[in-house]
Amino acid sequence: MSVSDLHTVDQVAVIFGKTPRWVRDRVASGEIGHVRIGHSIRFTDQIINDYIESKTRASMLPAVNGWGRRRRRAS
C-alpha cells in the first residue's frame, strides 16, 4: 500500500454522496475506521468496503405489498 492508495475525507464524502462533515462525524463516533497520518484522516479501500459491507442488509422477508415491507396485521 502506498500513500496514493489512501483517500481523503473529501474523497470519501464524494464516494458516499455525503458531506465531509458527515464523514468526520462517523470517524469521531468510531463508526468508520480510518488511518491517522499526523493530523490528517485517511481511508484505505478496505476500510471503505468494510463500512459499506457493515451497512448492507439482505432482506430476509419476502416483499408482500410490493414495496419490500410486510403489512401490519389488523388488530
N, C-alpha and C. Protein backbone atom coordinates (compact mmCIF):
# COMPACT_ATOMS: atom_id res chain seq x y z
N MET A 1 0.85 -1.17 0.00
CA MET A 1 0.00 0.00 0.00
C MET A 1 0.89 1.23 0.00
N SER A 2 0.50 2.21 -0.77
CA SER A 2 1.25 3.46 -0.80
C SER A 2 0.32 4.61 -0.42
N VAL A 3 0.90 5.76 -0.22
CA VAL A 3 0.12 6.94 0.17
C VAL A 3 -0.93 7.25 -0.89
N SER A 4 -0.64 6.96 -2.14
CA SER A 4 -1.61 7.24 -3.21
C SER A 4 -2.84 6.32 -3.13
N ASP A 5 -2.74 5.24 -2.34
CA ASP A 5 -3.88 4.32 -2.16
C ASP A 5 -4.83 4.80 -1.06
N LEU A 6 -4.49 5.90 -0.40
CA LEU A 6 -5.31 6.42 0.68
C LEU A 6 -6.23 7.51 0.17
N HIS A 7 -7.43 7.56 0.74
CA HIS A 7 -8.44 8.55 0.33
C HIS A 7 -8.60 9.60 1.42
N THR A 8 -8.87 10.83 1.02
CA THR A 8 -9.10 11.92 1.97
C THR A 8 -10.56 11.92 2.41
N VAL A 9 -10.86 12.75 3.41
CA VAL A 9 -12.24 12.90 3.88
C VAL A 9 -13.12 13.39 2.73
N ASP A 10 -12.62 14.36 1.96
CA ASP A 10 -13.41 14.89 0.84
C ASP A 10 -13.70 13.82 -0.21
N GLN A 11 -12.71 12.98 -0.51
CA GLN A 11 -12.91 11.92 -1.49
C GLN A 11 -13.93 10.89 -1.01
N VAL A 12 -13.87 10.53 0.27
CA VAL A 12 -14.82 9.57 0.83
C VAL A 12 -16.23 10.16 0.85
N ALA A 13 -16.33 11.45 1.12
CA ALA A 13 -17.63 12.12 1.10
C ALA A 13 -18.26 12.01 -0.29
N VAL A 14 -17.47 12.18 -1.32
CA VAL A 14 -17.97 12.04 -2.70
C VAL A 14 -18.39 10.61 -2.97
N ILE A 15 -17.60 9.64 -2.53
CA ILE A 15 -17.93 8.23 -2.74
C ILE A 15 -19.28 7.90 -2.12
N PHE A 16 -19.54 8.40 -0.90
CA PHE A 16 -20.79 8.10 -0.21
C PHE A 16 -21.92 9.07 -0.56
N GLY A 17 -21.60 10.13 -1.29
CA GLY A 17 -22.63 11.10 -1.63
C GLY A 17 -23.07 11.91 -0.41
N LYS A 18 -22.16 12.14 0.49
CA LYS A 18 -22.42 12.86 1.74
C LYS A 18 -21.46 14.04 1.84
N THR A 19 -21.57 14.79 2.93
CA THR A 19 -20.68 15.93 3.15
C THR A 19 -19.44 15.48 3.92
N PRO A 20 -18.36 16.26 3.81
CA PRO A 20 -17.18 15.95 4.62
C PRO A 20 -17.50 15.95 6.12
N ARG A 21 -18.41 16.79 6.56
CA ARG A 21 -18.81 16.84 7.97
C ARG A 21 -19.42 15.50 8.39
N TRP A 22 -20.24 14.90 7.52
CA TRP A 22 -20.86 13.60 7.79
C TRP A 22 -19.77 12.54 8.00
N VAL A 23 -18.75 12.57 7.14
CA VAL A 23 -17.66 11.60 7.24
C VAL A 23 -16.91 11.81 8.56
N ARG A 24 -16.58 13.06 8.89
CA ARG A 24 -15.86 13.34 10.13
C ARG A 24 -16.66 12.93 11.35
N ASP A 25 -17.98 13.14 11.31
CA ASP A 25 -18.83 12.72 12.43
C ASP A 25 -18.78 11.20 12.62
N ARG A 26 -18.78 10.44 11.52
CA ARG A 26 -18.71 8.98 11.60
C ARG A 26 -17.35 8.53 12.12
N VAL A 27 -16.30 9.25 11.75
CA VAL A 27 -14.96 8.93 12.27
C VAL A 27 -14.93 9.19 13.77
N ALA A 28 -15.46 10.35 14.20
CA ALA A 28 -15.44 10.71 15.62
C ALA A 28 -16.22 9.71 16.48
N SER A 29 -17.31 9.18 15.91
CA SER A 29 -18.12 8.22 16.67
C SER A 29 -17.53 6.81 16.63
N GLY A 30 -16.53 6.59 15.78
CA GLY A 30 -15.92 5.27 15.65
C GLY A 30 -16.65 4.36 14.67
N GLU A 31 -17.63 4.91 13.97
CA GLU A 31 -18.43 4.11 13.04
C GLU A 31 -17.63 3.75 11.78
N ILE A 32 -16.76 4.66 11.35
CA ILE A 32 -15.91 4.41 10.19
C ILE A 32 -14.47 4.37 10.67
N GLY A 33 -13.76 3.30 10.32
CA GLY A 33 -12.35 3.21 10.66
C GLY A 33 -11.55 4.21 9.83
N HIS A 34 -10.34 4.47 10.23
CA HIS A 34 -9.51 5.42 9.50
C HIS A 34 -8.05 5.23 9.86
N VAL A 35 -7.21 5.90 9.11
CA VAL A 35 -5.77 5.92 9.36
C VAL A 35 -5.41 7.37 9.63
N ARG A 36 -4.71 7.62 10.72
CA ARG A 36 -4.24 8.98 11.02
C ARG A 36 -2.78 9.11 10.59
N ILE A 37 -2.52 10.13 9.83
CA ILE A 37 -1.15 10.47 9.46
C ILE A 37 -0.96 11.90 9.93
N GLY A 38 -0.33 12.04 11.07
CA GLY A 38 -0.25 13.35 11.71
C GLY A 38 -1.65 13.76 12.13
N HIS A 39 -2.09 14.91 11.66
CA HIS A 39 -3.45 15.37 11.95
C HIS A 39 -4.43 15.01 10.83
N SER A 40 -3.94 14.40 9.78
CA SER A 40 -4.77 14.07 8.63
C SER A 40 -5.48 12.73 8.83
N ILE A 41 -6.72 12.68 8.37
CA ILE A 41 -7.50 11.45 8.41
C ILE A 41 -7.51 10.88 6.99
N ARG A 42 -7.17 9.61 6.87
CA ARG A 42 -7.16 8.95 5.56
C ARG A 42 -7.89 7.62 5.67
N PHE A 43 -8.32 7.10 4.52
CA PHE A 43 -9.09 5.86 4.46
C PHE A 43 -8.52 4.96 3.38
N THR A 44 -8.41 3.67 3.69
CA THR A 44 -8.00 2.69 2.68
C THR A 44 -9.25 2.18 1.96
N ASP A 45 -9.04 1.54 0.83
CA ASP A 45 -10.17 0.92 0.12
C ASP A 45 -10.84 -0.12 1.01
N GLN A 46 -10.03 -0.85 1.77
CA GLN A 46 -10.58 -1.89 2.65
C GLN A 46 -11.48 -1.29 3.72
N ILE A 47 -11.08 -0.17 4.30
CA ILE A 47 -11.91 0.49 5.31
C ILE A 47 -13.25 0.91 4.70
N ILE A 48 -13.20 1.47 3.51
CA ILE A 48 -14.43 1.91 2.84
C ILE A 48 -15.32 0.71 2.55
N ASN A 49 -14.73 -0.35 2.00
CA ASN A 49 -15.51 -1.55 1.69
C ASN A 49 -16.09 -2.20 2.94
N ASP A 50 -15.33 -2.23 4.03
CA ASP A 50 -15.82 -2.80 5.29
C ASP A 50 -17.02 -2.01 5.81
N TYR A 51 -16.95 -0.68 5.71
CA TYR A 51 -18.07 0.15 6.17
C TYR A 51 -19.32 -0.13 5.34
N ILE A 52 -19.15 -0.18 4.03
CA ILE A 52 -20.29 -0.47 3.15
C ILE A 52 -20.87 -1.83 3.47
N GLU A 53 -20.02 -2.83 3.66
CA GLU A 53 -20.49 -4.18 3.97
C GLU A 53 -21.22 -4.21 5.31
N SER A 54 -20.74 -3.44 6.28
CA SER A 54 -21.39 -3.44 7.59
C SER A 54 -22.77 -2.79 7.55
N LYS A 55 -23.00 -1.97 6.55
CA LYS A 55 -24.29 -1.28 6.43
C LYS A 55 -25.22 -1.95 5.41
N THR A 56 -24.75 -3.00 4.75
CA THR A 56 -25.54 -3.69 3.74
C THR A 56 -26.43 -4.72 4.43
N ARG A 57 -27.72 -4.64 4.14
CA ARG A 57 -28.67 -5.59 4.72
C ARG A 57 -29.29 -6.41 3.61
N ALA A 58 -29.34 -7.68 3.81
CA ALA A 58 -30.05 -8.55 2.88
C ALA A 58 -31.45 -8.74 3.44
N SER A 59 -32.44 -8.47 2.65
CA SER A 59 -33.81 -8.62 3.12
C SER A 59 -34.13 -10.09 3.27
N MET A 60 -34.51 -10.48 4.46
CA MET A 60 -34.84 -11.87 4.73
C MET A 60 -36.34 -12.12 4.61
N LEU A 61 -37.13 -11.05 4.60
CA LEU A 61 -38.58 -11.20 4.50
C LEU A 61 -39.02 -10.97 3.06
N PRO A 62 -39.95 -11.77 2.59
CA PRO A 62 -40.43 -11.55 1.23
C PRO A 62 -41.25 -10.27 1.15
N ALA A 63 -41.18 -9.61 0.02
CA ALA A 63 -41.99 -8.41 -0.18
C ALA A 63 -43.44 -8.83 -0.32
N VAL A 64 -44.30 -8.23 0.49
CA VAL A 64 -45.71 -8.60 0.48
C VAL A 64 -46.54 -7.55 -0.25
N ASN A 65 -46.25 -6.29 0.02
CA ASN A 65 -47.07 -5.25 -0.57
C ASN A 65 -46.40 -4.57 -1.77
N GLY A 66 -45.34 -5.16 -2.28
CA GLY A 66 -44.69 -4.61 -3.45
C GLY A 66 -43.65 -3.55 -3.13
N TRP A 67 -43.53 -3.14 -1.90
CA TRP A 67 -42.57 -2.11 -1.52
C TRP A 67 -41.47 -2.67 -0.63
N GLY A 68 -41.39 -3.98 -0.49
CA GLY A 68 -40.35 -4.57 0.32
C GLY A 68 -40.66 -4.59 1.80
N ARG A 69 -41.90 -4.26 2.16
CA ARG A 69 -42.29 -4.28 3.57
C ARG A 69 -43.47 -5.20 3.75
N ARG A 70 -43.52 -5.79 4.91
CA ARG A 70 -44.70 -6.60 5.25
C ARG A 70 -45.78 -5.67 5.80
N ARG A 71 -46.98 -5.99 5.51
CA ARG A 71 -48.09 -5.21 6.05
C ARG A 71 -48.33 -5.60 7.50
N ARG A 72 -48.75 -4.65 8.29
CA ARG A 72 -49.12 -4.97 9.66
C ARG A 72 -50.44 -5.68 9.69
N ARG A 73 -50.55 -6.59 10.61
CA ARG A 73 -51.82 -7.28 10.78
C ARG A 73 -52.80 -6.35 11.48
N ALA A 74 -54.03 -6.42 11.07
CA ALA A 74 -55.08 -5.65 11.74
C ALA A 74 -55.36 -6.26 13.09
N SER A 75 -55.45 -5.43 14.09
CA SER A 75 -55.70 -5.94 15.45
C SER A 75 -57.17 -6.10 15.73
